[in-house]
Every structure is written in C-alpha cells, then in structure tokens.
Amino acid sequence: MGRRSVLITRHGKPVARLTPPSVGVVADSHPWERLRGSGVLHAEPEDSMLEAQAFDALR
C-alpha cells in the first residue's frame, strides 16, 4: 500500500481529502493532536450531508 491521498466527494464535488501524516510526526502522540491544523473545509459550514427527507422527524 502506497502513501497517497484519498478525495471524498459529495454529488461529484470534493468535500474532504485524507492525506497520510507527514514524515516526522511523533508516533506516540494522540491522533487528534496529529490531525490538528491539517484539515481544509471544501463545503459551506451550514451544508448538510443529508437531505431533509432523510430525517424521520420531518415526515
């Protein structure tokens, strides 16, 4: 398995990219500490990942 990025899309639009940790990351640190500062948001914060019809309470 090579070290490569994975692009996550929603309706064909990129919403996230997962990349392997950079070289030199301390292996004994907590996962959330290793991820800190590495995220990029590709959608609007108020965008829902689910359609309104997917919620039973709205039916």
N, C-alpha and C. Protein backbone atom coordinates (compact mmCIF):
# COMPACT_ATOMS: atom_id res chain seq x y z
N MET A 1 0.85 -1.18 0.00
CA MET A 1 0.00 0.00 0.00
C MET A 1 0.89 1.24 0.00
N GLY A 2 0.71 2.08 -0.96
CA GLY A 2 1.49 3.31 -1.02
C GLY A 2 0.86 4.42 -0.20
N ARG A 3 1.64 5.42 0.05
CA ARG A 3 1.14 6.57 0.78
C ARG A 3 0.55 7.55 -0.22
N ARG A 4 -0.78 7.67 -0.25
CA ARG A 4 -1.42 8.58 -1.18
C ARG A 4 -2.66 9.18 -0.55
N SER A 5 -3.11 10.28 -1.11
CA SER A 5 -4.29 10.97 -0.61
C SER A 5 -5.55 10.32 -1.14
N VAL A 6 -6.65 10.48 -0.39
CA VAL A 6 -7.96 10.00 -0.80
C VAL A 6 -8.89 11.20 -0.83
N LEU A 7 -9.58 11.40 -1.97
CA LEU A 7 -10.51 12.50 -2.11
C LEU A 7 -11.92 11.99 -1.84
N ILE A 8 -12.64 12.68 -0.94
CA ILE A 8 -14.02 12.33 -0.61
C ILE A 8 -14.92 13.35 -1.29
N THR A 9 -15.89 12.86 -2.07
CA THR A 9 -16.78 13.75 -2.81
C THR A 9 -18.22 13.58 -2.36
N ARG A 10 -19.01 14.59 -2.62
CA ARG A 10 -20.45 14.56 -2.40
C ARG A 10 -21.10 15.13 -3.63
N HIS A 11 -21.89 14.34 -4.31
CA HIS A 11 -22.53 14.74 -5.56
C HIS A 11 -21.49 15.20 -6.58
N GLY A 12 -20.34 14.55 -6.58
CA GLY A 12 -19.29 14.86 -7.54
C GLY A 12 -18.41 16.04 -7.15
N LYS A 13 -18.71 16.71 -6.05
CA LYS A 13 -17.90 17.85 -5.59
C LYS A 13 -17.00 17.40 -4.45
N PRO A 14 -15.73 17.79 -4.46
CA PRO A 14 -14.84 17.41 -3.36
C PRO A 14 -15.25 18.09 -2.05
N VAL A 15 -15.36 17.31 -0.99
CA VAL A 15 -15.71 17.86 0.32
C VAL A 15 -14.60 17.62 1.36
N ALA A 16 -13.73 16.65 1.10
CA ALA A 16 -12.64 16.38 2.04
C ALA A 16 -11.53 15.62 1.33
N ARG A 17 -10.33 15.75 1.84
CA ARG A 17 -9.19 14.99 1.33
C ARG A 17 -8.44 14.43 2.54
N LEU A 18 -8.26 13.12 2.54
CA LEU A 18 -7.50 12.47 3.59
C LEU A 18 -6.08 12.24 3.07
N THR A 19 -5.12 12.71 3.82
CA THR A 19 -3.74 12.54 3.41
C THR A 19 -2.97 11.84 4.51
N PRO A 20 -1.96 11.07 4.13
CA PRO A 20 -1.15 10.39 5.15
C PRO A 20 -0.39 11.43 5.99
N PRO A 21 -0.07 11.08 7.21
CA PRO A 21 0.67 12.03 8.05
C PRO A 21 2.03 12.34 7.44
N SER A 22 2.47 13.55 7.68
CA SER A 22 3.77 13.94 7.15
C SER A 22 4.89 13.22 7.90
N VAL A 23 6.03 13.13 7.26
CA VAL A 23 7.19 12.46 7.86
C VAL A 23 7.63 13.26 9.08
N GLY A 24 7.98 12.58 10.12
CA GLY A 24 8.45 13.24 11.33
C GLY A 24 7.38 13.44 12.38
N VAL A 25 6.18 12.93 12.16
CA VAL A 25 5.11 13.03 13.15
C VAL A 25 5.43 12.09 14.30
N VAL A 26 5.27 12.57 15.51
CA VAL A 26 5.54 11.77 16.69
C VAL A 26 4.49 10.67 16.79
N ALA A 27 4.92 9.42 16.77
CA ALA A 27 4.00 8.28 16.73
C ALA A 27 3.24 8.09 18.04
N ASP A 28 3.78 8.55 19.17
CA ASP A 28 3.10 8.31 20.44
C ASP A 28 2.17 9.46 20.83
N SER A 29 1.96 10.43 19.93
CA SER A 29 1.01 11.49 20.24
C SER A 29 -0.41 11.01 19.94
N HIS A 30 -1.40 11.71 20.50
CA HIS A 30 -2.79 11.34 20.28
C HIS A 30 -3.19 11.63 18.84
N PRO A 31 -4.10 10.83 18.26
CA PRO A 31 -4.50 11.03 16.86
C PRO A 31 -5.02 12.44 16.60
N TRP A 32 -5.81 13.00 17.50
CA TRP A 32 -6.37 14.33 17.28
C TRP A 32 -5.28 15.40 17.32
N GLU A 33 -4.20 15.14 18.05
CA GLU A 33 -3.08 16.08 18.06
C GLU A 33 -2.31 16.02 16.75
N ARG A 34 -2.21 14.83 16.16
CA ARG A 34 -1.52 14.70 14.88
C ARG A 34 -2.32 15.33 13.75
N LEU A 35 -3.65 15.37 13.87
CA LEU A 35 -4.50 15.94 12.83
C LEU A 35 -4.69 17.45 12.97
N ARG A 36 -4.37 18.01 14.12
CA ARG A 36 -4.61 19.42 14.38
C ARG A 36 -3.96 20.30 13.31
N GLY A 37 -4.76 21.18 12.73
CA GLY A 37 -4.25 22.15 11.76
C GLY A 37 -4.08 21.59 10.36
N SER A 38 -4.53 20.35 10.12
CA SER A 38 -4.32 19.76 8.81
C SER A 38 -5.59 19.69 7.97
N GLY A 39 -6.74 20.09 8.52
CA GLY A 39 -8.00 19.97 7.79
C GLY A 39 -8.28 21.19 6.94
N VAL A 40 -8.98 20.95 5.83
CA VAL A 40 -9.44 22.02 4.95
C VAL A 40 -10.89 21.75 4.62
N LEU A 41 -11.76 22.73 4.83
CA LEU A 41 -13.18 22.58 4.56
C LEU A 41 -13.47 22.97 3.12
N HIS A 42 -14.08 22.07 2.35
CA HIS A 42 -14.37 22.32 0.94
C HIS A 42 -15.85 22.58 0.70
N ALA A 43 -16.68 22.57 1.74
CA ALA A 43 -18.11 22.84 1.62
C ALA A 43 -18.44 23.99 2.55
N GLU A 44 -19.63 24.53 2.39
CA GLU A 44 -20.07 25.58 3.29
C GLU A 44 -20.39 24.96 4.65
N PRO A 45 -20.05 25.64 5.76
CA PRO A 45 -20.29 25.05 7.08
C PRO A 45 -21.74 24.66 7.34
N GLU A 46 -22.69 25.40 6.78
CA GLU A 46 -24.10 25.09 7.03
C GLU A 46 -24.66 24.01 6.11
N ASP A 47 -23.90 23.55 5.13
CA ASP A 47 -24.36 22.49 4.23
C ASP A 47 -24.53 21.19 5.00
N SER A 48 -25.65 20.52 4.77
CA SER A 48 -25.91 19.23 5.41
C SER A 48 -25.43 18.11 4.50
N MET A 49 -24.93 17.06 5.09
CA MET A 49 -24.52 15.90 4.32
C MET A 49 -25.72 15.05 3.93
N LEU A 50 -26.86 15.26 4.59
CA LEU A 50 -28.08 14.51 4.31
C LEU A 50 -29.17 15.45 3.83
N GLU A 51 -30.05 14.94 3.00
CA GLU A 51 -31.21 15.71 2.56
C GLU A 51 -32.22 15.78 3.70
N ALA A 52 -33.05 16.80 3.74
CA ALA A 52 -34.05 16.96 4.79
C ALA A 52 -34.99 15.76 4.84
N GLN A 53 -35.26 15.13 3.69
CA GLN A 53 -36.17 13.99 3.66
C GLN A 53 -35.59 12.76 4.35
N ALA A 54 -34.31 12.76 4.64
CA ALA A 54 -33.68 11.61 5.28
C ALA A 54 -34.00 11.52 6.77
N PHE A 55 -34.56 12.59 7.34
CA PHE A 55 -34.85 12.60 8.77
C PHE A 55 -36.29 12.19 9.01
N ASP A 56 -36.49 11.15 9.80
CA ASP A 56 -37.84 10.64 10.09
C ASP A 56 -38.69 11.69 10.80
N ALA A 57 -38.11 12.53 11.62
CA ALA A 57 -38.87 13.52 12.39
C ALA A 57 -39.55 14.54 11.49
N LEU A 58 -39.05 14.74 10.29
CA LEU A 58 -39.63 15.72 9.39
C LEU A 58 -40.77 15.14 8.55
N ARG A 59 -40.99 13.85 8.62
CA ARG A 59 -42.03 13.21 7.80
C ARG A 59 -43.38 13.29 8.46
